[in-house]
């Protein structure tokens, strides 16, 4: 029934009827608004629930990634690969935290934002140039009462900035003076240079070599860096420069090899590299042999790389020549011919450990776990020795390490009788027992190394660089790269800035 129609047929006062109609209309509008409010509230509840669900998911994901990021297990990945994954994880953690903060802000826009506690930031290095920017208030008068403002302190914050490779030109002007009496002309002599008449200054040549051999940038990328500043650096030109730099540095690399062979103890290892084989239209395998001085010996550390076309032990014999001393190597057969006649073999404890680690990671072997525990004790003694004198280290090794080594050998010999031939455990124990006499030698000295990690660390940047430059263009290019890499690696080991060292060297060499 239509209530308004029934009321219209009565003798009701028209003014009252209009008032009733207005009341009914207002009621309908209120009901409609109520329905809309309910719908809006329901929608907001849905959005809130979705946001809370997303925050919970992000929080769990962030916790998981943090656990993975900060809970590395020893030898889980090679250190070079681990660094690359660390970089990705750090970026992911920052991105997830930013997304989580944004979600939280969206839920509490009207609430005051609490400051999240942060770890103390490392101060920026003091040697960096400081460019000051003073930010004064818009007015020197108080905005409330108009009185003059007085300086009571300063709030100082610092931001780190960078200027990309900046190209500039050295303009050399040599005035010419004539003697009218004897009709001669006098001018300052042109200074000798690595490349006579070349337009590349020592700083540019050093930057080019550092970019290629330290930062592993192929020449075409260097060309692109120059092109962004309208500086032509064609590959044909930069290749020519690097070839001449390599020739100039070769005597220094040769002298470095001579100095290395004066040391009584050396590390040796090798890594494969690809070399272009134009006749076959593909690449072939070559090797970069690495030799490093012993960190426990006196004198600055030295690293020398030797590029060869194969892995035959004759290459190591040729490089070492008449050298005699202790040689730390892995179990590669190519080194076996070196031992005897004045060259004594040292075994690497890290290689022995690696086989037990792989076994434990594969199946949780209790035998492998026990071997790892015993080896960890030996490394703890080395950490305890630290930077002490050689005689103190020898005493510590004799008193603590040697008994543990003998006990570990006896335990391995007894355990070997209880495991099946051909099993992974048997192979790991057999390998360790075969190398044990060479391993024991370090405990009888205060200067012999415990493992071959120093030379492996020297090779690691080369292994990462191979992913960028892919292969050596020729054997000559391999020898040149090995010489330059030797100088750069030795400079870094001695705490020198490779670019600055090379720039100074190229300026002084002529």
Protein backbone atom coordinates (compact mmCIF):
# COMPACT_ATOMS: atom_id res chain seq x y z
CA UNK A 1 0.00 0.00 0.00
CA UNK A 2 1.23 3.48 -0.96
CA UNK A 3 0.93 5.50 2.28
CA UNK A 4 1.38 8.89 0.56
CA UNK A 5 -1.39 8.14 -2.01
CA UNK A 6 -3.83 7.21 0.78
CA UNK A 7 -2.99 10.38 2.69
CA UNK A 8 -3.53 12.51 -0.45
CA UNK A 9 -7.14 11.23 -0.74
CA UNK A 10 -7.95 12.49 2.77
CA UNK A 11 -8.62 16.06 3.82
CA UNK A 12 -5.17 16.36 5.33
CA UNK A 13 -3.59 19.85 5.39
CA UNK A 14 -1.34 20.21 2.27
CA UNK A 15 1.48 21.67 4.40
CA UNK A 16 1.41 18.68 6.71
CA UNK A 17 1.32 16.32 3.76
CA UNK A 18 4.45 17.98 2.33
CA UNK A 19 6.17 17.63 5.67
CA UNK A 20 5.36 13.89 5.79
CA UNK A 21 6.70 13.46 2.27
CA UNK A 22 9.94 15.21 3.25
CA UNK A 23 10.32 12.99 6.29
CA UNK A 24 9.80 9.83 4.24
CA UNK A 25 12.27 11.04 1.60
CA UNK A 26 14.90 11.77 4.29
CA UNK A 27 14.37 8.32 5.73
CA UNK A 28 14.93 6.69 2.33
CA UNK A 29 18.11 8.72 1.83
CA UNK A 30 19.37 7.76 5.28
CA UNK A 31 18.74 4.08 4.54
CA UNK A 32 20.62 4.39 1.23
CA UNK A 33 23.53 6.16 2.94
CA UNK A 34 23.60 3.48 5.61
CA UNK A 35 23.80 0.75 2.96
CA UNK A 36 26.64 2.66 1.24
CA UNK A 37 28.51 3.07 4.54
CA UNK A 38 28.14 -0.63 5.27
CA UNK A 39 29.49 -1.46 1.81
CA UNK A 40 32.43 0.95 2.25
CA UNK A 41 33.20 -0.43 5.69
CA UNK A 42 33.12 -3.98 4.36
CA UNK A 43 35.48 -2.94 1.53
CA UNK A 44 37.89 -1.29 3.99
CA UNK A 45 37.86 -4.42 6.15
CA UNK A 46 38.73 -6.50 3.10
CA UNK A 47 41.60 -4.16 2.18
CA UNK A 48 42.87 -4.17 5.77
CA UNK A 49 42.78 -7.96 5.89
CA UNK A 50 44.63 -8.19 2.56
CA UNK A 51 47.26 -5.70 3.73
CA UNK A 52 47.76 -7.57 7.03
CA UNK A 53 48.09 -10.84 5.13
CA UNK A 54 50.70 -9.30 2.81
CA UNK A 55 52.64 -7.84 5.74
CA UNK A 56 52.67 -11.23 7.45
CA UNK A 57 53.91 -12.91 4.27
CA UNK A 58 56.60 -10.27 3.75
CA UNK A 59 57.69 -10.55 7.38
CA UNK A 60 58.08 -14.31 7.08
CA UNK A 61 59.94 -13.97 3.79
CA UNK A 62 62.22 -11.32 5.26
CA UNK A 63 63.00 -13.52 8.27
CA UNK A 64 63.76 -16.47 6.00
CA UNK A 65 66.11 -14.48 3.79
CA UNK A 66 67.86 -13.01 6.79
CA UNK A 67 68.41 -16.47 8.20
CA UNK A 68 69.85 -17.65 4.88
CA UNK A 69 71.87 -14.46 4.42
CA UNK A 70 73.51 -14.47 7.85
CA UNK A 71 73.86 -18.20 8.44
CA UNK A 72 76.54 -19.28 5.95
CA UNK A 73 78.01 -22.70 6.46
CA UNK A 74 81.68 -23.21 5.81
CA UNK A 75 82.40 -24.08 2.18
CA UNK A 76 78.70 -23.97 1.25
CA UNK A 77 79.74 -22.17 -1.93
CA UNK A 78 83.06 -20.96 -3.34
CA UNK A 79 83.79 -17.53 -1.88
CA UNK A 80 83.58 -15.78 -5.25
CA UNK A 81 80.11 -17.16 -5.93
CA UNK A 82 79.12 -16.46 -2.34
CA UNK A 83 80.02 -12.79 -2.81
CA UNK A 84 77.73 -12.59 -5.85
CA UNK A 85 74.86 -14.21 -3.95
CA UNK A 86 75.49 -11.96 -0.94
CA UNK A 87 75.08 -8.94 -3.18
CA UNK A 88 71.73 -10.23 -4.46
CA UNK A 89 70.50 -11.13 -0.98
CA UNK A 90 71.40 -7.71 0.40
CA UNK A 91 69.47 -6.00 -2.39
CA UNK A 92 66.48 -8.32 -1.85
CA UNK A 93 66.50 -7.68 1.91
CA UNK A 94 66.52 -3.92 1.39
CA UNK A 95 63.72 -4.14 -1.19
CA UNK A 96 61.54 -6.32 1.06
CA UNK A 97 62.12 -4.04 4.05
CA UNK A 98 61.14 -1.01 1.96
CA UNK A 99 57.99 -2.77 0.73
CA UNK A 100 57.15 -3.81 4.30
CA UNK A 101 57.58 -0.22 5.52
CA UNK A 102 55.34 1.04 2.72
CA UNK A 103 52.60 -1.43 3.66
CA UNK A 104 52.83 -0.42 7.32
CA UNK A 105 52.68 3.26 6.39
CA UNK A 106 49.55 2.66 4.32
CA UNK A 107 47.79 1.22 7.38
CA UNK A 108 48.82 4.02 9.74
CA UNK A 109 48.95 7.22 7.71
CA UNK A 110 47.51 9.32 10.57
CA UNK A 111 49.66 7.78 13.30
CA UNK A 112 53.06 9.27 14.18
CA UNK A 113 55.76 7.11 12.62
CA UNK A 114 58.06 5.58 15.22
CA UNK A 115 61.73 5.68 14.37
CA UNK A 116 63.04 2.22 13.60
CA UNK A 117 66.29 1.46 15.45
CA UNK A 118 69.23 1.13 13.08
CA UNK A 119 72.78 -0.06 13.52
CA UNK A 120 75.43 2.65 13.76
CA UNK A 121 76.60 3.76 10.31
CA UNK A 122 80.29 3.61 9.54
CA UNK A 123 81.85 7.09 9.26
CA UNK A 124 82.93 8.14 5.78
CA UNK A 125 86.73 8.02 5.21
CA UNK A 126 88.58 11.13 6.35
CA UNK A 127 90.78 11.32 3.25
CA UNK A 128 87.84 12.03 0.93
CA UNK A 129 87.31 15.59 -0.28
CA UNK A 130 84.51 17.40 1.55
CA UNK A 131 82.24 19.78 -0.41
CA UNK A 132 80.24 21.84 2.06
CA UNK A 133 76.65 22.94 1.41
CA UNK A 134 75.26 25.43 3.94
CA UNK A 135 71.49 25.51 4.29
CA UNK A 136 70.43 28.75 6.02
CA UNK A 137 66.83 29.46 7.11
CA UNK A 138 64.74 31.56 4.72
CA UNK A 139 64.74 34.45 7.25
CA UNK A 140 67.00 35.60 10.10
CA UNK A 141 63.95 36.62 12.14
CA UNK A 142 61.75 34.42 14.30
CA UNK A 143 58.59 33.36 12.52
CA UNK A 144 56.59 33.62 15.78
CA UNK A 145 57.58 36.98 17.29
CA UNK A 146 59.87 38.60 14.72
CA UNK A 147 62.93 38.74 17.01
CA UNK A 148 66.44 38.14 15.61
CA UNK A 149 67.69 34.53 15.46
CA UNK A 150 71.01 33.54 17.08
CA UNK A 151 73.22 30.61 16.05
CA UNK A 152 73.33 27.98 18.81
CA UNK A 153 74.77 25.00 16.92
CA UNK A 154 74.87 23.04 13.67
CA UNK A 155 73.35 19.79 12.50
CA UNK A 156 75.92 18.13 10.22
CA UNK A 157 75.18 15.12 8.03
CA UNK A 158 77.31 13.58 5.27
CA UNK A 159 76.44 11.81 2.02
CA UNK A 160 78.83 9.86 -0.16
CA UNK A 161 78.89 10.82 -3.84
CA UNK A 162 80.91 9.74 -6.87
CA UNK A 163 82.04 11.32 -10.12
CA UNK A 164 82.28 8.83 -13.00
CA UNK A 165 85.52 8.47 -14.94
CA UNK A 166 86.45 12.04 -15.75
CA UNK A 167 88.42 12.59 -18.92
CA UNK A 168 90.59 15.67 -19.23
CA UNK A 169 93.48 16.83 -21.42
CA UNK A 170 97.07 17.66 -20.49
CA UNK A 171 98.21 20.46 -22.78
CA UNK A 172 101.99 20.67 -23.03
CA UNK A 173 103.33 24.01 -24.27
CA UNK A 174 107.05 24.31 -25.02
CA UNK A 175 108.04 27.84 -25.97
CA UNK A 176 110.81 28.03 -28.54
CA UNK A 177 113.53 30.62 -28.11
CA UNK A 178 115.95 31.68 -30.86
CA UNK A 179 119.42 33.08 -30.56
CA UNK A 180 119.89 35.66 -33.28
CA UNK A 181 123.64 35.69 -32.77
CA UNK A 182 124.27 32.02 -33.53
CA UNK A 183 120.94 31.30 -35.21
CA UNK A 184 119.94 28.42 -32.91
CA UNK A 185 116.57 27.48 -31.41
CA UNK A 186 116.17 26.30 -27.81
CA UNK A 187 113.11 24.53 -26.35
CA UNK A 188 112.39 22.11 -23.51
CA UNK A 189 112.89 18.47 -24.48
CA UNK A 190 109.91 16.18 -24.87
CA UNK A 191 109.75 13.86 -21.87
CA UNK A 192 110.13 10.15 -22.64
CA UNK A 193 106.89 8.15 -22.55
CA UNK A 194 105.71 4.57 -22.68
CA UNK A 195 104.20 5.31 -26.10
CA UNK A 196 106.27 7.90 -27.93
CA UNK A 197 104.05 10.49 -29.55
CA UNK A 198 100.94 8.79 -28.15
CA UNK A 199 97.96 10.75 -26.94
CA UNK A 200 97.36 8.50 -23.88
CA UNK A 201 98.79 9.86 -20.62
CA UNK A 202 100.08 7.42 -17.97
CA UNK A 203 96.88 7.93 -15.94
CA UNK A 204 94.68 6.88 -18.86
CA UNK A 205 96.85 3.84 -19.61
CA UNK A 206 96.72 2.85 -15.93
CA UNK A 207 92.93 3.28 -15.83
CA UNK A 208 92.58 1.18 -18.97
CA UNK A 209 94.75 -1.65 -17.62
CA UNK A 210 93.10 -1.55 -14.19
CA UNK A 211 89.61 -1.65 -15.72
CA UNK A 212 90.51 -4.67 -17.84
CA UNK A 213 92.70 -6.73 -15.52
CA UNK A 214 91.42 -5.76 -12.04
CA UNK A 215 87.77 -4.87 -12.69
CA UNK A 216 87.50 -7.39 -15.55
CA UNK A 217 85.84 -5.00 -18.02
CA UNK A 218 86.14 -6.06 -21.67
CA UNK A 219 87.43 -3.33 -24.00
CA UNK A 220 84.06 -2.85 -25.66
CA UNK A 221 82.57 -1.82 -22.32
CA UNK A 222 85.42 0.62 -21.78
CA UNK A 223 84.65 2.03 -25.21
CA UNK A 224 81.05 2.56 -24.11
CA UNK A 225 82.17 4.39 -20.96
CA UNK A 226 84.19 6.81 -23.09
CA UNK A 227 81.36 7.26 -25.57
CA UNK A 228 79.06 8.53 -22.82
CA UNK A 229 81.39 11.53 -22.49
CA UNK A 230 81.99 11.89 -26.22
CA UNK A 231 85.53 10.49 -25.89
CA UNK A 232 86.40 8.01 -28.66
CA UNK A 233 88.16 4.93 -27.30
CA UNK A 234 87.96 2.43 -30.18
CA UNK A 235 88.98 -1.13 -29.38
CA UNK A 236 91.69 -1.03 -32.04
CA UNK A 237 93.36 1.89 -30.24
CA UNK A 238 93.00 0.60 -26.68
CA UNK A 239 94.27 -2.84 -27.78
CA UNK A 240 97.36 -1.18 -29.23
CA UNK A 241 97.92 0.74 -25.98
CA UNK A 242 97.57 -2.37 -23.81
CA UNK A 243 99.99 -4.30 -26.00
CA UNK A 244 102.65 -1.63 -25.55
CA UNK A 245 101.97 -1.35 -21.82
CA UNK A 246 102.42 -5.13 -21.53
CA UNK A 247 105.81 -4.94 -23.27
CA UNK A 248 106.91 -2.11 -20.98
CA UNK A 249 105.88 -4.01 -17.84
CA UNK A 250 107.34 -7.40 -18.83
CA UNK A 251 110.80 -6.73 -17.26
CA UNK A 252 109.09 -5.94 -13.94
CA UNK A 253 107.12 -9.19 -14.11
CA UNK A 254 110.31 -11.13 -14.92
CA UNK A 255 112.04 -9.54 -11.93
CA UNK A 256 109.07 -10.43 -9.75
CA UNK A 257 109.50 -14.09 -10.77
CA UNK A 258 113.18 -13.93 -9.87
CA UNK A 259 112.40 -12.51 -6.44
CA UNK A 260 109.73 -15.18 -5.87
CA UNK A 261 112.20 -17.97 -6.58
CA UNK A 262 114.44 -16.66 -3.80
CA UNK A 263 111.83 -17.61 -1.20
CA UNK A 264 112.28 -20.92 0.69
CA UNK A 265 108.58 -21.90 0.62
CA UNK A 266 106.09 -21.51 -2.23
CA UNK A 267 102.44 -22.25 -2.94
CA UNK A 268 101.41 -23.50 -6.40
CA UNK A 269 98.09 -24.10 -8.12
CA UNK A 270 96.59 -23.82 -11.59
CA UNK A 271 93.27 -22.86 -13.18
CA UNK A 272 92.00 -23.53 -16.72
CA UNK A 273 91.29 -20.70 -19.14
CA UNK A 274 89.95 -20.74 -22.69
CA UNK A 275 92.16 -19.64 -25.56
CA UNK A 276 90.93 -18.80 -29.04
CA UNK A 277 91.95 -21.41 -31.62
CA UNK A 278 91.46 -19.66 -34.99
CA UNK A 279 92.45 -22.69 -37.06
CA UNK A 280 89.62 -24.74 -35.57
CA UNK A 281 87.08 -21.92 -35.31
CA UNK A 282 86.63 -22.52 -31.58
CA UNK A 283 88.53 -22.31 -28.30
CA UNK A 284 90.96 -24.68 -26.64
CA UNK A 285 91.95 -25.16 -23.02
CA UNK A 286 95.02 -23.42 -21.64
CA UNK A 287 96.16 -22.97 -18.03
CA UNK A 288 97.16 -20.13 -15.77
CA UNK A 289 99.67 -21.43 -13.24
CA UNK A 290 99.86 -19.46 -10.00
CA UNK A 291 102.79 -19.28 -7.60
CA UNK A 292 102.70 -17.40 -4.31
CA UNK A 293 105.15 -16.71 -1.52
CA UNK A 294 104.54 -18.04 1.98
CA UNK A 295 102.85 -15.53 4.27
CA UNK A 296 104.79 -16.87 7.27
CA UNK A 297 108.16 -16.11 5.66
CA UNK A 298 109.88 -12.75 5.92
CA UNK A 299 109.50 -10.24 3.10
CA UNK A 300 106.58 -8.74 1.21
CA UNK A 301 104.08 -11.18 -0.35
CA UNK A 302 104.49 -11.97 -4.06
CA UNK A 303 102.14 -13.59 -6.58
CA UNK A 304 103.24 -14.64 -10.06
CA UNK A 305 101.01 -16.04 -12.81
CA UNK A 306 102.48 -18.13 -15.62
CA UNK A 307 100.37 -18.69 -18.74
CA UNK A 308 100.90 -22.02 -20.50
CA UNK A 309 99.11 -23.99 -23.17
CA UNK A 310 98.66 -27.11 -21.04
CA UNK A 311 98.65 -28.68 -17.58
CA UNK A 312 101.72 -30.88 -17.91
CA UNK A 313 104.02 -30.88 -14.90
CA UNK A 314 106.88 -29.83 -17.18
CA UNK A 315 105.50 -26.27 -17.12
CA UNK A 316 105.97 -26.09 -13.33
CA UNK A 317 109.45 -27.58 -13.68
CA UNK A 318 110.38 -24.97 -16.30
CA UNK A 319 109.11 -22.07 -14.19
CA UNK A 320 110.77 -23.20 -10.94
CA UNK A 321 114.02 -24.22 -12.64
CA UNK A 322 116.77 -24.67 -10.06
CA UNK A 323 114.59 -23.52 -7.17
CA UNK A 324 114.78 -25.66 -4.03
CA UNK A 325 112.56 -25.53 -0.96
CA UNK A 326 109.12 -26.55 0.35
CA UNK A 327 106.28 -26.56 -2.20
CA UNK A 328 102.64 -26.51 -1.05
CA UNK A 329 100.39 -28.15 -3.68
CA UNK A 330 97.29 -30.28 -4.05
CA UNK A 331 97.46 -33.94 -5.07
CA UNK A 332 97.73 -33.25 -8.82
CA UNK A 333 100.12 -35.75 -10.41
CA UNK A 334 101.83 -33.06 -12.50
CA UNK A 335 103.74 -31.87 -9.43
CA UNK A 336 105.06 -35.30 -8.44
CA UNK A 337 108.13 -35.11 -10.68
CA UNK A 338 109.27 -32.01 -8.79
CA UNK A 339 109.66 -33.72 -5.44
CA UNK A 340 113.04 -34.98 -4.34
CA UNK A 341 116.35 -33.45 -5.29
CA UNK A 342 115.82 -30.52 -2.94
CA UNK A 343 112.06 -29.89 -3.39
CA UNK A 344 109.93 -31.06 -0.45
CA UNK A 345 106.19 -31.64 -0.75
CA UNK A 346 103.70 -30.02 1.61
CA UNK A 347 100.08 -31.23 1.71
CA UNK A 348 97.07 -28.91 2.01
CA UNK A 349 94.83 -29.54 5.01
CA UNK A 350 91.99 -27.60 3.35
CA UNK A 351 91.93 -30.11 0.47
CA UNK A 352 91.75 -33.01 2.93
CA UNK A 353 88.97 -31.28 4.82
CA UNK A 354 87.02 -30.58 1.64
CA UNK A 355 86.50 -34.26 0.88
CA UNK A 356 85.09 -34.90 4.35
CA UNK A 357 82.94 -31.80 4.12
CA UNK A 358 81.44 -32.97 0.81
CA UNK A 359 80.79 -36.39 2.34
CA UNK A 360 79.09 -34.90 5.39
CA UNK A 361 77.01 -32.51 3.27
CA UNK A 362 75.85 -35.42 1.09
CA UNK A 363 74.69 -37.88 3.74
CA UNK A 364 75.51 -36.53 7.21
CA UNK A 365 78.21 -39.14 7.72
CA UNK A 366 79.22 -39.37 11.41
CA UNK A 367 82.74 -40.39 10.37
CA UNK A 368 83.01 -37.23 8.26
CA UNK A 369 81.63 -35.16 11.14
CA UNK A 370 84.30 -36.54 13.47
CA UNK A 371 87.03 -35.82 10.90
CA UNK A 372 85.79 -32.25 10.53
CA UNK A 373 85.84 -31.80 14.30
CA UNK A 374 89.44 -32.98 14.55
CA UNK A 375 90.55 -30.78 11.65
CA UNK A 376 88.79 -27.79 13.24
CA UNK A 377 90.98 -28.29 16.32
CA UNK A 378 94.11 -27.99 14.17
CA UNK A 379 92.87 -24.75 12.60
CA UNK A 380 92.00 -23.39 16.05
CA UNK A 381 95.64 -23.84 17.05
CA UNK A 382 96.75 -21.91 13.95
CA UNK A 383 94.40 -19.06 14.84
CA UNK A 384 95.81 -19.10 18.35
CA UNK A 385 99.32 -18.73 16.91
CA UNK A 386 98.27 -15.66 14.94
CA UNK A 387 101.13 -13.26 14.24
CA UNK A 388 103.53 -14.62 16.85
CA UNK A 389 107.21 -15.23 16.17
CA UNK A 390 108.25 -18.39 14.34
CA UNK A 391 109.81 -20.02 17.43
CA UNK A 392 106.62 -19.45 19.45
CA UNK A 393 104.51 -20.91 16.65
CA UNK A 394 106.83 -23.93 16.41
CA UNK A 395 106.50 -24.58 20.15
CA UNK A 396 102.71 -24.32 19.94
CA UNK A 397 102.58 -26.71 17.00
CA UNK A 398 104.86 -29.21 18.71
CA UNK A 399 102.96 -29.13 21.99
CA UNK A 400 99.39 -29.06 20.65
CA UNK A 401 99.12 -29.70 16.90
CA UNK A 402 101.51 -32.65 16.53
CA UNK A 403 99.78 -34.86 19.15
CA UNK A 404 96.42 -34.11 17.54
CA UNK A 405 97.79 -34.98 14.10
CA UNK A 406 99.11 -38.34 15.33
CA UNK A 407 95.83 -39.11 17.11
CA UNK A 408 93.84 -38.20 13.99
CA UNK A 409 96.04 -40.45 11.85
CA UNK A 410 95.55 -43.37 14.22
CA UNK A 411 91.80 -42.78 14.32
CA UNK A 412 91.59 -42.70 10.51
CA UNK A 413 93.64 -45.89 10.20
CA UNK A 414 91.39 -47.70 12.69
CA UNK A 415 88.19 -46.32 11.12
CA UNK A 416 89.32 -47.36 7.65
CA UNK A 417 89.16 -51.02 8.71
CA UNK A 418 85.47 -50.65 9.51
CA UNK A 419 84.23 -49.10 6.25
CA UNK A 420 83.55 -50.78 2.93
CA UNK A 421 86.07 -50.48 0.12
CA UNK A 422 85.02 -48.10 -2.63
CA UNK A 423 82.66 -46.11 -0.43
CA UNK A 424 82.87 -42.34 -0.21
CA UNK A 425 84.14 -42.60 3.37
CA UNK A 426 86.87 -45.04 2.34
CA UNK A 427 87.99 -42.76 -0.50
CA UNK A 428 88.17 -39.70 1.77
CA UNK A 429 90.19 -41.58 4.41
CA UNK A 430 92.50 -43.16 1.82
CA UNK A 431 93.21 -39.75 0.30
CA UNK A 432 93.97 -38.26 3.73
CA UNK A 433 96.26 -41.11 4.81
CA UNK A 434 98.15 -40.96 1.51
CA UNK A 435 98.84 -37.26 2.04
CA UNK A 436 99.48 -37.50 5.79
CA UNK A 437 103.32 -37.66 5.70
CA UNK A 438 103.39 -34.45 3.63
CA UNK A 439 100.83 -32.87 5.96
CA UNK A 440 102.82 -33.63 9.12
CA UNK A 441 105.76 -31.52 7.94
CA UNK A 442 104.16 -28.19 8.79
CA UNK A 443 103.99 -29.15 12.48
CA UNK A 444 107.78 -29.50 12.58
CA UNK A 445 108.34 -25.87 11.57
CA UNK A 446 107.28 -22.45 12.73
CA UNK A 447 107.11 -21.02 9.19
CA UNK A 448 105.57 -23.69 6.95
CA UNK A 449 101.90 -23.12 5.93
CA UNK A 450 99.06 -25.42 6.92
CA UNK A 451 97.14 -25.20 3.63
CA UNK A 452 97.15 -23.86 0.08
CA UNK A 453 94.40 -21.27 0.61
CA UNK A 454 96.65 -18.22 -0.02
CA UNK A 455 97.30 -19.15 -3.65
CA UNK A 456 93.67 -20.20 -4.18
CA UNK A 457 92.61 -16.76 -2.96
CA UNK A 458 95.01 -15.21 -5.47
CA UNK A 459 93.44 -17.24 -8.30
CA UNK A 460 89.85 -16.46 -7.31
CA UNK A 461 89.67 -12.99 -9.01
CA UNK A 462 90.93 -14.63 -12.22
CA UNK A 463 88.14 -17.20 -12.03
CA UNK A 464 85.55 -14.42 -11.63
CA UNK A 465 87.09 -12.42 -14.47
CA UNK A 466 86.80 -15.38 -16.85
CA UNK A 467 83.03 -14.89 -16.81
CA UNK A 468 83.55 -11.47 -18.42
CA UNK A 469 86.39 -11.88 -20.89
CA UNK A 470 85.51 -15.52 -21.68
CA UNK A 471 88.82 -16.45 -23.38
CA UNK A 472 92.32 -15.29 -24.24
CA UNK A 473 92.71 -14.20 -27.84
CA UNK A 474 96.14 -15.81 -28.30
CA UNK A 475 99.02 -17.32 -26.38
CA UNK A 476 100.84 -13.98 -26.54
CA UNK A 477 97.76 -12.28 -25.05
CA UNK A 478 97.73 -14.90 -22.29
CA UNK A 479 101.38 -14.24 -21.39
CA UNK A 480 100.77 -10.48 -21.41
CA UNK A 481 97.71 -10.82 -19.18
CA UNK A 482 99.62 -13.11 -16.79
CA UNK A 483 102.45 -10.55 -16.45
CA UNK A 484 100.09 -7.65 -15.77
CA UNK A 485 97.96 -9.74 -13.40
CA UNK A 486 101.11 -10.73 -11.47
CA UNK A 487 102.01 -7.09 -10.87
CA UNK A 488 98.46 -6.07 -9.97
CA UNK A 489 97.93 -9.03 -7.59
CA UNK A 490 101.24 -8.37 -5.83
CA UNK A 491 100.43 -4.66 -5.52
CA UNK A 492 97.08 -5.47 -3.89
CA UNK A 493 98.67 -7.99 -1.51
CA UNK A 494 101.00 -5.24 -0.35
CA UNK A 495 98.18 -2.79 0.30
CA UNK A 496 98.77 -0.62 -2.78
CA UNK A 497 96.09 0.97 -4.93
CA UNK A 498 96.63 -0.83 -8.28
CA UNK A 499 95.65 2.17 -10.42
CA UNK A 500 97.79 4.66 -8.53
CA UNK A 501 100.74 2.25 -8.43
CA UNK A 502 100.57 1.61 -12.17
CA UNK A 503 100.15 5.29 -13.04
CA UNK A 504 103.28 6.15 -11.02
CA UNK A 505 105.16 3.21 -12.56
CA UNK A 506 104.27 4.08 -16.15
CA UNK A 507 105.40 7.64 -15.54
CA UNK A 508 108.72 6.53 -14.04
CA UNK A 509 109.55 3.61 -16.37
CA UNK A 510 110.76 5.61 -19.40
